[in-house]
Amino acid sequence: MQFKIDTKEKIVIFRLEEAGLDAKMAADFENTILAAPGLEGSNLILDLHSLQSAAPEALKAIFTVYQHRYDQGLSAAVAGLNKVLTAQLSDQYPEMLNIVPTESEAIDMVMMEDLERELDLGDE
């Protein structure tokens, strides 16, 4: 599986460089991201602009990685996903809200959620 990882302050950007994710690649995708260097304590952006097709298992892996960040009290966003896969992911996992067209929008969304969490903690 081809990918690049870019680490920024408070964010890890995982850029998949595959046109397809089949069932065999789904577990590798999930494990690779969850074990990514610098992910601990960081928000996550999945840049999936190159992805053209995904098996149901791959969509589940995307959601699992996404949800794992929220379970850790952090944020995640999916960027660049084509319309067909966006619809499939949204239909299967309607609770997955942060699907945006560009990486820039994903960064803004994740940083806004991070700021909201900081403000909420300050109120307590």
PDB file of N, CA and C in Angstrom:
ATOM      1  N   MET A   1       0.850  -1.175   0.000  1.00  0.00           N
ATOM      2  CA  MET A   1       0.000   0.000   0.000  1.00  0.00           C
ATOM      3  C   MET A   1       0.896   1.237   0.000  1.00  0.00           C
ATOM      4  N   GLN A   2       0.630   2.138  -0.912  1.00  0.00           N
ATOM      5  CA  GLN A   2       1.406   3.367  -1.050  1.00  0.00           C
ATOM      6  C   GLN A   2       0.697   4.512  -0.328  1.00  0.00           C
ATOM      7  N   PHE A   3       1.471   5.263   0.471  1.00  0.00           N
ATOM      8  CA  PHE A   3       0.919   6.400   1.191  1.00  0.00           C
ATOM      9  C   PHE A   3       2.055   7.314   1.629  1.00  0.00           C
ATOM     10  N   LYS A   4       1.677   8.517   2.031  1.00  0.00           N
ATOM     11  CA  LYS A   4       2.608   9.470   2.626  1.00  0.00           C
ATOM     12  C   LYS A   4       1.996   9.965   3.918  1.00  0.00           C
ATOM     13  N   ILE A   5       2.847  10.248   4.872  1.00  0.00           N
ATOM     14  CA  ILE A   5       2.394  10.791   6.146  1.00  0.00           C
ATOM     15  C   ILE A   5       3.066  12.146   6.342  1.00  0.00           C
ATOM     16  N   ASP A   6       2.257  13.135   6.659  1.00  0.00           N
ATOM     17  CA  ASP A   6       2.759  14.475   6.929  1.00  0.00           C
ATOM     18  C   ASP A   6       2.312  14.843   8.341  1.00  0.00           C
ATOM     19  N   THR A   7       3.256  15.185   9.184  1.00  0.00           N
ATOM     20  CA  THR A   7       2.939  15.545  10.562  1.00  0.00           C
ATOM     21  C   THR A   7       3.055  17.051  10.728  1.00  0.00           C
ATOM     22  N   LYS A   8       1.965  17.639  11.193  1.00  0.00           N
ATOM     23  CA  LYS A   8       1.924  19.062  11.494  1.00  0.00           C
ATOM     24  C   LYS A   8       1.602  19.198  12.982  1.00  0.00           C
ATOM     25  N   GLU A   9       1.610  20.418  13.470  1.00  0.00           N
ATOM     26  CA  GLU A   9       1.254  20.629  14.869  1.00  0.00           C
ATOM     27  C   GLU A   9      -0.183  20.160  15.111  1.00  0.00           C
ATOM     28  N   LYS A  10      -0.349  19.197  15.983  1.00  0.00           N
ATOM     29  CA  LYS A  10      -1.646  18.647  16.392  1.00  0.00           C
ATOM     30  C   LYS A  10      -2.355  17.825  15.320  1.00  0.00           C
ATOM     31  N   ILE A  11      -1.765  17.647  14.130  1.00  0.00           N
ATOM     32  CA  ILE A  11      -2.443  16.924  13.043  1.00  0.00           C
ATOM     33  C   ILE A  11      -1.470  15.987  12.343  1.00  0.00           C
ATOM     34  N   VAL A  12      -1.959  14.781  12.049  1.00  0.00           N
ATOM     35  CA  VAL A  12      -1.247  13.869  11.167  1.00  0.00           C
ATOM     36  C   VAL A  12      -2.103  13.733   9.911  1.00  0.00           C
ATOM     37  N   ILE A  13      -1.488  13.971   8.756  1.00  0.00           N
ATOM     38  CA  ILE A  13      -2.203  13.834   7.482  1.00  0.00           C
ATOM     39  C   ILE A  13      -1.704  12.563   6.814  1.00  0.00           C
ATOM     40  N   PHE A  14      -2.629  11.662   6.565  1.00  0.00           N
ATOM     41  CA  PHE A  14      -2.324  10.396   5.902  1.00  0.00           C
ATOM     42  C   PHE A  14      -2.850  10.502   4.481  1.00  0.00           C
ATOM     43  N   ARG A  15      -1.936  10.505   3.492  1.00  0.00           N
ATOM     44  CA  ARG A  15      -2.311  10.624   2.081  1.00  0.00           C
ATOM     45  C   ARG A  15      -2.175   9.269   1.403  1.00  0.00           C
ATOM     46  N   LEU A  16      -3.302   8.668   1.126  1.00  0.00           N
ATOM     47  CA  LEU A  16      -3.301   7.383   0.435  1.00  0.00           C
ATOM     48  C   LEU A  16      -2.972   7.612  -1.028  1.00  0.00           C
ATOM     49  N   GLU A  17      -2.101   6.781  -1.572  1.00  0.00           N
ATOM     50  CA  GLU A  17      -1.722   6.897  -2.984  1.00  0.00           C
ATOM     51  C   GLU A  17      -2.071   5.614  -3.729  1.00  0.00           C
ATOM     52  N   GLU A  18      -3.307   5.188  -3.542  1.00  0.00           N
ATOM     53  CA  GLU A  18      -3.841   3.997  -4.199  1.00  0.00           C
ATOM     54  C   GLU A  18      -5.163   4.368  -4.854  1.00  0.00           C
ATOM     55  N   ALA A  19      -5.441   3.772  -6.010  1.00  0.00           N
ATOM     56  CA  ALA A  19      -6.717   4.015  -6.685  1.00  0.00           C
ATOM     57  C   ALA A  19      -7.828   3.150  -6.110  1.00  0.00           C
ATOM     58  N   GLY A  20      -7.466   2.045  -5.481  1.00  0.00           N
ATOM     59  CA  GLY A  20      -8.475   1.150  -4.939  1.00  0.00           C
ATOM     60  C   GLY A  20      -8.038   0.546  -3.621  1.00  0.00           C
ATOM     61  N   LEU A  21      -9.023   0.285  -2.771  1.00  0.00           N
ATOM     62  CA  LEU A  21      -8.796  -0.434  -1.520  1.00  0.00           C
ATOM     63  C   LEU A  21      -9.721  -1.631  -1.517  1.00  0.00           C
ATOM     64  N   ASP A  22      -9.139  -2.809  -1.614  1.00  0.00           N
ATOM     65  CA  ASP A  22      -9.970  -4.010  -1.594  1.00  0.00           C
ATOM     66  C   ASP A  22     -10.032  -4.566  -0.175  1.00  0.00           C
ATOM     67  N   ALA A  23     -10.754  -5.664  -0.027  1.00  0.00           N
ATOM     68  CA  ALA A  23     -10.942  -6.266   1.291  1.00  0.00           C
ATOM     69  C   ALA A  23      -9.610  -6.679   1.908  1.00  0.00           C
ATOM     70  N   LYS A  24      -8.690  -7.162   1.107  1.00  0.00           N
ATOM     71  CA  LYS A  24      -7.383  -7.601   1.615  1.00  0.00           C
ATOM     72  C   LYS A  24      -6.566  -6.428   2.153  1.00  0.00           C
ATOM     73  N   MET A  25      -6.712  -5.270   1.540  1.00  0.00           N
ATOM     74  CA  MET A  25      -5.938  -4.086   1.947  1.00  0.00           C
ATOM     75  C   MET A  25      -6.569  -3.358   3.138  1.00  0.00           C
ATOM     76  N   ALA A  26      -7.832  -3.637   3.430  1.00  0.00           N
ATOM     77  CA  ALA A  26      -8.558  -2.891   4.458  1.00  0.00           C
ATOM     78  C   ALA A  26      -7.899  -2.996   5.831  1.00  0.00           C
ATOM     79  N   ALA A  27      -7.541  -4.207   6.245  1.00  0.00           N
ATOM     80  CA  ALA A  27      -6.918  -4.383   7.556  1.00  0.00           C
ATOM     81  C   ALA A  27      -5.552  -3.715   7.598  1.00  0.00           C
ATOM     82  N   ASP A  28      -4.798  -3.815   6.511  1.00  0.00           N
ATOM     83  CA  ASP A  28      -3.484  -3.174   6.436  1.00  0.00           C
ATOM     84  C   ASP A  28      -3.630  -1.654   6.537  1.00  0.00           C
ATOM     85  N   PHE A  29      -4.621  -1.099   5.844  1.00  0.00           N
ATOM     86  CA  PHE A  29      -4.919   0.330   5.889  1.00  0.00           C
ATOM     87  C   PHE A  29      -5.168   0.767   7.338  1.00  0.00           C
ATOM     88  N   GLU A  30      -6.065   0.047   8.000  1.00  0.00           N
ATOM     89  CA  GLU A  30      -6.427   0.375   9.384  1.00  0.00           C
ATOM     90  C   GLU A  30      -5.220   0.274  10.315  1.00  0.00           C
ATOM     91  N   ASN A  31      -4.507  -0.837  10.253  1.00  0.00           N
ATOM     92  CA  ASN A  31      -3.357  -1.055  11.140  1.00  0.00           C
ATOM     93  C   ASN A  31      -2.237  -0.060  10.884  1.00  0.00           C
ATOM     94  N   THR A  32      -1.986   0.254   9.618  1.00  0.00           N
ATOM     95  CA  THR A  32      -0.924   1.198   9.269  1.00  0.00           C
ATOM     96  C   THR A  32      -1.205   2.577   9.846  1.00  0.00           C
ATOM     97  N   ILE A  33      -2.434   3.027   9.704  1.00  0.00           N
ATOM     98  CA  ILE A  33      -2.777   4.364  10.202  1.00  0.00           C
ATOM     99  C   ILE A  33      -2.740   4.408  11.720  1.00  0.00           C
ATOM    100  N   LEU A  34      -3.348   3.424  12.369  1.00  0.00           N
ATOM    101  CA  LEU A  34      -3.404   3.446  13.825  1.00  0.00           C
ATOM    102  C   LEU A  34      -2.024   3.314  14.468  1.00  0.00           C
ATOM    103  N   ALA A  35      -1.053   2.773  13.723  1.00  0.00           N
ATOM    104  CA  ALA A  35       0.315   2.643  14.231  1.00  0.00           C
ATOM    105  C   ALA A  35       1.244   3.739  13.693  1.00  0.00           C
ATOM    106  N   ALA A  36       0.682   4.710  12.996  1.00  0.00           N
ATOM    107  CA  ALA A  36       1.492   5.756  12.362  1.00  0.00           C
ATOM    108  C   ALA A  36       2.284   6.548  13.399  1.00  0.00           C
ATOM    109  N   PRO A  37       3.527   6.869  13.058  1.00  0.00           N
ATOM    110  CA  PRO A  37       4.333   7.668  13.983  1.00  0.00           C
ATOM    111  C   PRO A  37       3.715   9.052  14.177  1.00  0.00           C
ATOM    112  N   GLY A  38       3.669   9.482  15.417  1.00  0.00           N
ATOM    113  CA  GLY A  38       3.147  10.810  15.714  1.00  0.00           C
ATOM    114  C   GLY A  38       1.640  10.878  15.865  1.00  0.00           C
ATOM    115  N   LEU A  39       0.935   9.764  15.668  1.00  0.00           N
ATOM    116  CA  LEU A  39      -0.525   9.801  15.752  1.00  0.00           C
ATOM    117  C   LEU A  39      -1.022   9.932  17.191  1.00  0.00           C
ATOM    118  N   GLU A  40      -0.286   9.373  18.120  1.00  0.00           N
ATOM    119  CA  GLU A  40      -0.694   9.441  19.525  1.00  0.00           C
ATOM    120  C   GLU A  40      -0.861  10.900  19.951  1.00  0.00           C
ATOM    121  N   GLY A  41      -2.072  11.242  20.377  1.00  0.00           N
ATOM    122  CA  GLY A  41      -2.352  12.599  20.831  1.00  0.00           C
ATOM    123  C   GLY A  41      -2.590  13.607  19.724  1.00  0.00           C
ATOM    124  N   SER A  42      -2.655  13.135  18.473  1.00  0.00           N
ATOM    125  CA  SER A  42      -2.857  14.040  17.331  1.00  0.00           C
ATOM    126  C   SER A  42      -4.192  13.783  16.646  1.00  0.00           C
ATOM    127  N   ASN A  43      -4.706  14.822  16.025  1.00  0.00           N
ATOM    128  CA  ASN A  43      -5.876  14.700  15.177  1.00  0.00           C
ATOM    129  C   ASN A  43      -5.439  14.077  13.853  1.00  0.00           C
ATOM    130  N   LEU A  44      -6.405  13.577  13.084  1.00  0.00           N
ATOM    131  CA  LEU A  44      -6.076  12.855  11.857  1.00  0.00           C
ATOM    132  C   LEU A  44      -6.877  13.378  10.684  1.00  0.00           C
ATOM    133  N   ILE A  45      -6.184  13.535   9.569  1.00  0.00           N
ATOM    134  CA  ILE A  45      -6.848  13.829   8.301  1.00  0.00           C
ATOM    135  C   ILE A  45      -6.488  12.709   7.337  1.00  0.00           C
ATOM    136  N   LEU A  46      -7.515  12.094   6.777  1.00  0.00           N
ATOM    137  CA  LEU A  46      -7.327  11.078   5.752  1.00  0.00           C
ATOM    138  C   LEU A  46      -7.535  11.746   4.403  1.00  0.00           C
ATOM    139  N   ASP A  47      -6.469  11.951   3.663  1.00  0.00           N
ATOM    140  CA  ASP A  47      -6.555  12.529   2.323  1.00  0.00           C
ATOM    141  C   ASP A  47      -6.697  11.367   1.342  1.00  0.00           C
ATOM    142  N   LEU A  48      -7.903  11.193   0.825  1.00  0.00           N
ATOM    143  CA  LEU A  48      -8.210  10.047  -0.031  1.00  0.00           C
ATOM    144  C   LEU A  48      -8.519  10.477  -1.463  1.00  0.00           C
ATOM    145  N   HIS A  49      -7.870  11.548  -1.923  1.00  0.00           N
ATOM    146  CA  HIS A  49      -8.163  12.083  -3.259  1.00  0.00           C
ATOM    147  C   HIS A  49      -7.840  11.091  -4.381  1.00  0.00           C
ATOM    148  N   SER A  50      -6.907  10.188  -4.174  1.00  0.00           N
ATOM    149  CA  SER A  50      -6.545   9.238  -5.228  1.00  0.00           C
ATOM    150  C   SER A  50      -7.444   8.009  -5.254  1.00  0.00           C
ATOM    151  N   LEU A  51      -8.221   7.804  -4.218  1.00  0.00           N
ATOM    152  CA  LEU A  51      -9.055   6.609  -4.103  1.00  0.00           C
ATOM    153  C   LEU A  51     -10.258   6.686  -5.044  1.00  0.00           C
ATOM    154  N   GLN A  52     -10.377   5.692  -5.909  1.00  0.00           N
ATOM    155  CA  GLN A  52     -11.483   5.653  -6.862  1.00  0.00           C
ATOM    156  C   GLN A  52     -12.502   4.553  -6.549  1.00  0.00           C
ATOM    157  N   SER A  53     -12.062   3.511  -5.850  1.00  0.00           N
ATOM    158  CA  SER A  53     -12.972   2.426  -5.490  1.00  0.00           C
ATOM    159  C   SER A  53     -12.565   1.844  -4.150  1.00  0.00           C
ATOM    160  N   ALA A  54     -13.567   1.365  -3.422  1.00  0.00           N
ATOM    161  CA  ALA A  54     -13.305   0.796  -2.105  1.00  0.00           C
ATOM    162  C   ALA A  54     -14.325  -0.296  -1.817  1.00  0.00           C
ATOM    163  N   ALA A  55     -13.836  -1.430  -1.363  1.00  0.00           N
ATOM    164  CA  ALA A  55     -14.696  -2.527  -0.940  1.00  0.00           C
ATOM    165  C   ALA A  55     -15.408  -2.129   0.355  1.00  0.00           C
ATOM    166  N   PRO A  56     -16.520  -2.777   0.668  1.00  0.00           N
ATOM    167  CA  PRO A  56     -17.212  -2.474   1.930  1.00  0.00           C
ATOM    168  C   PRO A  56     -16.294  -2.588   3.156  1.00  0.00           C
ATOM    169  N   GLU A  57     -15.379  -3.543   3.140  1.00  0.00           N
ATOM    170  CA  GLU A  57     -14.432  -3.699   4.239  1.00  0.00           C
ATOM    171  C   GLU A  57     -13.506  -2.484   4.351  1.00  0.00           C
ATOM    172  N   ALA A  58     -13.167  -1.900   3.224  1.00  0.00           N
ATOM    173  CA  ALA A  58     -12.320  -0.709   3.219  1.00  0.00           C
ATOM    174  C   ALA A  58     -13.082   0.492   3.781  1.00  0.00           C
ATOM    175  N   LEU A  59     -14.354   0.614   3.426  1.00  0.00           N
ATOM    176  CA  LEU A  59     -15.161   1.700   3.985  1.00  0.00           C
ATOM    177  C   LEU A  59     -15.266   1.553   5.500  1.00  0.00           C
ATOM    178  N   LYS A  60     -15.417   0.302   5.947  1.00  0.00           N
ATOM    179  CA  LYS A  60     -15.464   0.053   7.388  1.00  0.00           C
ATOM    180  C   LYS A  60     -14.136   0.431   8.032  1.00  0.00           C
ATOM    181  N   ALA A  61     -13.018   0.124   7.388  1.00  0.00           N
ATOM    182  CA  ALA A  61     -11.695   0.474   7.923  1.00  0.00           C
ATOM    183  C   ALA A  61     -11.540   1.990   8.017  1.00  0.00           C
ATOM    184  N   ILE A  62     -12.010   2.711   7.002  1.00  0.00           N
ATOM    185  CA  ILE A  62     -11.953   4.181   7.028  1.00  0.00           C
ATOM    186  C   ILE A  62     -12.744   4.697   8.226  1.00  0.00           C
ATOM    187  N   PHE A  63     -13.952   4.170   8.411  1.00  0.00           N
ATOM    188  CA  PHE A  63     -14.780   4.605   9.527  1.00  0.00           C
ATOM    189  C   PHE A  63     -14.140   4.243  10.868  1.00  0.00           C
ATOM    190  N   THR A  64     -13.567   3.049  10.966  1.00  0.00           N
ATOM    191  CA  THR A  64     -12.947   2.609  12.214  1.00  0.00           C
ATOM    192  C   THR A  64     -11.806   3.535  12.617  1.00  0.00           C
ATOM    193  N   VAL A  65     -10.970   3.895  11.651  1.00  0.00           N
ATOM    194  CA  VAL A  65      -9.858   4.805  11.918  1.00  0.00           C
ATOM    195  C   VAL A  65     -10.397   6.174  12.341  1.00  0.00           C
ATOM    196  N   TYR A  66     -11.396   6.649  11.619  1.00  0.00           N
ATOM    197  CA  TYR A  66     -12.048   7.932  11.926  1.00  0.00           C
ATOM    198  C   TYR A  66     -12.592   7.919  13.359  1.00  0.00           C
ATOM    199  N   GLN A  67     -13.365   6.886  13.676  1.00  0.00           N
ATOM    200  CA  GLN A  67     -14.011   6.799  14.988  1.00  0.00           C
ATOM    201  C   GLN A  67     -12.989   6.636  16.106  1.00  0.00           C
ATOM    202  N   HIS A  68     -11.887   5.971  15.834  1.00  0.00           N
ATOM    203  CA  HIS A  68     -10.840   5.783  16.833  1.00  0.00           C
ATOM    204  C   HIS A  68     -10.323   7.125  17.346  1.00  0.00           C
ATOM    205  N   ARG A  69     -10.172   8.106  16.479  1.00  0.00           N
ATOM    206  CA  ARG A  69      -9.715   9.426  16.918  1.00  0.00           C
ATOM    207  C   ARG A  69     -10.716  10.031  17.905  1.00  0.00           C
ATOM    208  N   TYR A  70     -12.015   9.932  17.593  1.00  0.00           N
ATOM    209  CA  TYR A  70     -13.029  10.499  18.482  1.00  0.00           C
ATOM    210  C   TYR A  70     -13.089   9.746  19.799  1.00  0.00           C
ATOM    211  N   ASP A  71     -12.877   8.437  19.763  1.00  0.00           N
ATOM    212  CA  ASP A  71     -12.832   7.650  20.989  1.00  0.00           C
ATOM    213  C   ASP A  71     -11.669   8.086  21.876  1.00  0.00           C
ATOM    214  N   GLN A  72     -10.631   8.652  21.273  1.00  0.00           N
ATOM    215  CA  GLN A  72      -9.470   9.149  22.001  1.00  0.00           C
ATOM    216  C   GLN A  72      -9.630  10.611  22.419  1.00  0.00           C
ATOM    217  N   GLY A  73     -10.796  11.207  22.139  1.00  0.00           N
ATOM    218  CA  GLY A  73     -11.030  12.611  22.482  1.00  0.00           C
ATOM    219  C   GLY A  73     -10.381  13.571  21.509  1.00  0.00           C
ATOM    220  N   LEU A  74     -10.131  13.097  20.288  1.00  0.00           N
ATOM    221  CA  LEU A  74      -9.490  13.908  19.251  1.00  0.00           C
ATOM    222  C   LEU A  74     -10.428  14.023  18.057  1.00  0.00           C
ATOM    223  N   SER A  75      -9.954  14.587  16.967  1.00  0.00           N
ATOM    224  CA  SER A  75     -10.784  14.790  15.778  1.00  0.00           C
ATOM    225  C   SER A  75     -10.191  14.094  14.569  1.00  0.00           C
ATOM    226  N   ALA A  76     -11.058  13.913  13.575  1.00  0.00           N
ATOM    227  CA  ALA A  76     -10.643  13.340  12.298  1.00  0.00           C
ATOM    228  C   ALA A  76     -11.498  13.934  11.200  1.00  0.00           C
ATOM    229  N   ALA A  77     -10.952  13.901   9.988  1.00  0.00           N
ATOM    230  CA  ALA A  77     -11.694  14.352   8.810  1.00  0.00           C
ATOM    231  C   ALA A  77     -11.197  13.556   7.613  1.00  0.00           C
ATOM    232  N   VAL A  78     -12.099  13.384   6.656  1.00  0.00           N
ATOM    233  CA  VAL A  78     -11.772  12.722   5.396  1.00  0.00           C
ATOM    234  C   VAL A  78     -11.833  13.786   4.313  1.00  0.00           C
ATOM    235  N   ALA A  79     -10.776  13.881   3.507  1.00  0.00           N
ATOM    236  CA  ALA A  79     -10.701  14.904   2.462  1.00  0.00           C
ATOM    237  C   ALA A  79     -10.500  14.260   1.101  1.00  0.00           C
ATOM    238  N   GLY A  80     -11.075  14.897   0.088  1.00  0.00           N
ATOM    239  CA  GLY A  80     -10.807  14.531  -1.297  1.00  0.00           C
ATOM    240  C   GLY A  80     -11.488  13.281  -1.793  1.00  0.00           C
ATOM    241  N   LEU A  81     -12.406  12.737  -1.056  1.00  0.00           N
ATOM    242  CA  LEU A  81     -13.085  11.511  -1.468  1.00  0.00           C
ATOM    243  C   LEU A  81     -14.062  11.815  -2.597  1.00  0.00           C
ATOM    244  N   ASN A  82     -14.092  10.972  -3.633  1.00  0.00           N
ATOM    245  CA  ASN A  82     -14.978  11.241  -4.761  1.00  0.00           C
ATOM    246  C   ASN A  82     -16.447  11.122  -4.343  1.00  0.00           C
ATOM    247  N   LYS A  83     -17.341  11.606  -5.192  1.00  0.00           N
ATOM    248  CA  LYS A  83     -18.771  11.681  -4.858  1.00  0.00           C
ATOM    249  C   LYS A  83     -19.385  10.321  -4.590  1.00  0.00           C
ATOM    250  N   VAL A  84     -19.017   9.327  -5.374  1.00  0.00           N
ATOM    251  CA  VAL A  84     -19.596   7.989  -5.212  1.00  0.00           C
ATOM    252  C   VAL A  84     -19.200   7.397  -3.862  1.00  0.00           C
ATOM    253  N   LEU A  85     -17.913   7.469  -3.535  1.00  0.00           N
ATOM    254  CA  LEU A  85     -17.456   6.918  -2.260  1.00  0.00           C
ATOM    255  C   LEU A  85     -17.948   7.739  -1.075  1.00  0.00           C
ATOM    256  N   THR A  86     -18.067   9.048  -1.259  1.00  0.00           N
ATOM    257  CA  THR A  86     -18.626   9.891  -0.195  1.00  0.00           C
ATOM    258  C   THR A  86     -20.053   9.453   0.112  1.00  0.00           C
ATOM    259  N   ALA A  87     -20.840   9.227  -0.935  1.00  0.00           N
ATOM    260  CA  ALA A  87     -22.229   8.782  -0.750  1.00  0.00           C
ATOM    261  C   ALA A  87     -22.279   7.417  -0.069  1.00  0.00           C
ATOM    262  N   GLN A  88     -21.430   6.495  -0.505  1.00  0.00           N
ATOM    263  CA  GLN A  88     -21.412   5.160   0.105  1.00  0.00           C
ATOM    264  C   GLN A  88     -21.023   5.233   1.578  1.00  0.00           C
ATOM    265  N   LEU A  89     -20.005   5.996   1.895  1.00  0.00           N
ATOM    266  CA  LEU A  89     -19.548   6.124   3.270  1.00  0.00           C
ATOM    267  C   LEU A  89     -20.606   6.806   4.131  1.00  0.00           C
ATOM    268  N   SER A  90     -21.222   7.842   3.609  1.00  0.00           N
ATOM    269  CA  SER A  90     -22.265   8.559   4.350  1.00  0.00           C
ATOM    270  C   SER A  90     -23.494   7.696   4.578  1.00  0.00           C
ATOM    271  N   ASP A  91     -23.839   6.872   3.586  1.00  0.00           N
ATOM    272  CA  ASP A  91     -24.992   5.982   3.733  1.00  0.00           C
ATOM    273  C   ASP A  91     -24.737   4.903   4.770  1.00  0.00           C
ATOM    274  N   GLN A  92     -23.544   4.306   4.730  1.00  0.00           N
ATOM    275  CA  GLN A  92     -23.218   3.228   5.657  1.00  0.00           C
ATOM    276  C   GLN A  92     -22.953   3.727   7.066  1.00  0.00           C
ATOM    277  N   TYR A  93     -22.354   4.908   7.177  1.00  0.00           N
ATOM    278  CA  TYR A  93     -21.954   5.450   8.477  1.00  0.00           C
ATOM    279  C   TYR A  93     -22.408   6.902   8.602  1.00  0.00           C
ATOM    280  N   PRO A  94     -23.720   7.109   8.799  1.00  0.00           N
ATOM    281  CA  PRO A  94     -24.236   8.483   8.840  1.00  0.00           C
ATOM    282  C   PRO A  94     -23.668   9.321   9.982  1.00  0.00           C
ATOM    283  N   GLU A  95     -23.123   8.679  11.008  1.00  0.00           N
ATOM    284  CA  GLU A  95     -22.534   9.429  12.119  1.00  0.00           C
ATOM    285  C   GLU A  95     -21.166  10.007  11.772  1.00  0.00           C
ATOM    286  N   MET A  96     -20.639   9.643  10.599  1.00  0.00           N
ATOM    287  CA  MET A  96     -19.347  10.170  10.147  1.00  0.00           C
ATOM    288  C   MET A  96     -19.602  11.505   9.454  1.00  0.00           C
ATOM    289  N   LEU A  97     -19.290  12.582  10.138  1.00  0.00           N
ATOM    290  CA  LEU A  97     -19.722  13.892   9.672  1.00  0.00           C
ATOM    291  C   LEU A  97     -18.661  14.690   8.922  1.00  0.00           C
ATOM    292  N   ASN A  98     -17.404  14.455   9.187  1.00  0.00           N
ATOM    293  CA  ASN A  98     -16.356  15.306   8.639  1.00  0.00           C
ATOM    294  C   ASN A  98     -15.795  14.772   7.326  1.00  0.00           C
ATOM    295  N   ILE A  99     -16.588  14.874   6.286  1.00  0.00           N
ATOM    296  CA  ILE A  99     -16.136  14.519   4.939  1.00  0.00           C
ATOM    297  C   ILE A  99     -16.183  15.801   4.127  1.00  0.00           C
ATOM    298  N   VAL A 100     -15.007  16.273   3.709  1.00  0.00           N
ATOM    299  CA  VAL A 100     -14.916  17.567   3.031  1.00  0.00           C
ATOM    300  C   VAL A 100     -14.144  17.422   1.716  1.00  0.00           C
ATOM    301  N   PRO A 101     -14.334  18.366   0.790  1.00  0.00           N
ATOM    302  CA  PRO A 101     -13.695  18.247  -0.525  1.00  0.00           C
ATOM    303  C   PRO A 101     -12.176  18.414  -0.541  1.00  0.00           C
ATOM    304  N   THR A 102     -11.631  19.254   0.344  1.00  0.00           N
ATOM    305  CA  THR A 102     -10.200  19.551   0.237  1.00  0.00           C
ATOM    306  C   THR A 102      -9.472  19.334   1.567  1.00  0.00           C
ATOM    307  N   GLU A 103      -8.180  19.129   1.457  1.00  0.00           N
ATOM    308  CA  GLU A 103      -7.354  18.969   2.647  1.00  0.00           C
ATOM    309  C   GLU A 103      -7.369  20.250   3.485  1.00  0.00           C
ATOM    310  N   SER A 104      -7.363  21.387   2.837  1.00  0.00           N
ATOM    311  CA  SER A 104      -7.397  22.669   3.542  1.00  0.00           C
ATOM    312  C   SER A 104      -8.654  22.788   4.414  1.00  0.00           C
ATOM    313  N   GLU A 105      -9.796  22.393   3.866  1.00  0.00           N
ATOM    314  CA  GLU A 105     -11.038  22.419   4.636  1.00  0.00           C
ATOM    315  C   GLU A 105     -10.981  21.428   5.797  1.00  0.00           C
ATOM    316  N   ALA A 106     -10.354  20.291   5.566  1.00  0.00           N
ATOM    317  CA  ALA A 106     -10.216  19.289   6.618  1.00  0.00           C
ATOM    318  C   ALA A 106      -9.372  19.841   7.769  1.00  0.00           C
ATOM    319  N   ILE A 107      -8.284  20.508   7.438  1.00  0.00           N
ATOM    320  CA  ILE A 107      -7.435  21.115   8.466  1.00  0.00           C
ATOM    321  C   ILE A 107      -8.229  22.142   9.263  1.00  0.00           C
ATOM    322  N   ASP A 108      -8.971  22.996   8.557  1.00  0.00           N
ATOM    323  CA  ASP A 108      -9.786  24.008   9.242  1.00  0.00           C
ATOM    324  C   ASP A 108     -10.803  23.349  10.174  1.00  0.00           C
ATOM    325  N   MET A 109     -11.469  22.300   9.705  1.00  0.00           N
ATOM    326  CA  MET A 109     -12.496  21.627  10.492  1.00  0.00           C
ATOM    327  C   MET A 109     -11.901  20.993  11.751  1.00  0.00           C
ATOM    328  N   VAL A 110     -10.795  20.296  11.578  1.00  0.00           N
ATOM    329  CA  VAL A 110     -10.151  19.628  12.705  1.00  0.00           C
ATOM    330  C   VAL A 110      -9.637  20.646  13.719  1.00  0.00           C
ATOM    331  N   MET A 111      -9.054  21.715  13.249  1.00  0.00           N
ATOM    332  CA  MET A 111      -8.544  22.742  14.162  1.00  0.00           C
ATOM    333  C   MET A 111      -9.687  23.447  14.899  1.00  0.00           C
ATOM    334  N   MET A 112     -10.813  23.636  14.225  1.00  0.00           N
ATOM    335  CA  MET A 112     -11.972  24.259  14.870  1.00  0.00           C
ATOM    336  C   MET A 112     -12.507  23.357  15.983  1.00  0.00           C
ATOM    337  N   GLU A 113     -12.608  22.056  15.707  1.00  0.00           N
ATOM    338  CA  GLU A 113     -13.054  21.126  16.742  1.00  0.00           C
ATOM    339  C   GLU A 113     -12.078  21.111  17.912  1.00  0.00           C
ATOM    340  N   ASP A 114     -10.791  21.165  17.619  1.00  0.00           N
ATOM    341  CA  ASP A 114      -9.771  21.175  18.661  1.00  0.00           C
ATOM    342  C   ASP A 114      -9.925  22.420  19.535  1.00  0.00           C
ATOM    343  N   LEU A 115     -10.144  23.557  18.911  1.00  0.00           N
ATOM    344  CA  LEU A 115     -10.353  24.803  19.646  1.00  0.00           C
ATOM    345  C   LEU A 115     -11.617  24.721  20.503  1.00  0.00           C
ATOM    346  N   GLU A 116     -12.688  24.165  19.954  1.00  0.00           N
ATOM    347  CA  GLU A 116     -13.927  24.018  20.717  1.00  0.00           C
ATOM    348  C   GLU A 116     -13.712  23.150  21.954  1.00  0.00           C
ATOM    349  N   ARG A 117     -12.945  22.068  21.794  1.00  0.00           N
ATOM    350  CA  ARG A 117     -12.648  21.210  22.952  1.00  0.00           C
ATOM    351  C   ARG A 117     -11.866  21.982  24.010  1.00  0.00           C
ATOM    352  N   GLU A 118     -10.882  22.756  23.573  1.00  0.00           N
ATOM    353  CA  GLU A 118     -10.088  23.546  24.517  1.00  0.00           C
ATOM    354  C   GLU A 118     -10.958  24.551  25.260  1.00  0.00           C
ATOM    355  N   LEU A 119     -11.879  25.203  24.536  1.00  0.00           N
ATOM    356  CA  LEU A 119     -12.769  26.173  25.176  1.00  0.00           C
ATOM    357  C   LEU A 119     -13.727  25.489  26.142  1.00  0.00           C
ATOM    358  N   ASP A 120     -14.232  24.314  25.777  1.00  0.00           N
ATOM    359  CA  ASP A 120     -15.127  23.576  26.663  1.00  0.00           C
ATOM    360  C   ASP A 120     -14.407  23.150  27.939  1.00  0.00           C
ATOM    361  N   LEU A 121     -13.154  22.724  27.811  1.00  0.00           N
ATOM    362  CA  LEU A 121     -12.374  22.342  28.989  1.00  0.00           C
ATOM    363  C   LEU A 121     -12.108  23.541  29.875  1.00  0.00           C
ATOM    364  N   GLY A 122     -11.951  24.703  29.276  1.00  0.00           N
ATOM    365  CA  GLY A 122     -11.701  25.922  30.037  1.00  0.00           C
ATOM    366  C   GLY A 122     -12.914  26.379  30.838  1.00  0.00           C
ATOM    367  N   ASP A 123     -14.101  26.003  30.387  1.00  0.00           N
ATOM    368  CA  ASP A 123     -15.337  26.389  31.063  1.00  0.00           C
ATOM    369  C   ASP A 123     -15.593  25.562  32.310  1.00  0.00           C
ATOM    370  N   GLU A 124     -14.970  24.410  32.403  1.00  0.00           N
ATOM    371  CA  GLU A 124     -15.260  23.502  33.532  1.00  0.00           C
ATOM    372  C   GLU A 124     -14.503  23.879  34.764  1.00  0.00           C
TER     373      GLU A 124
END
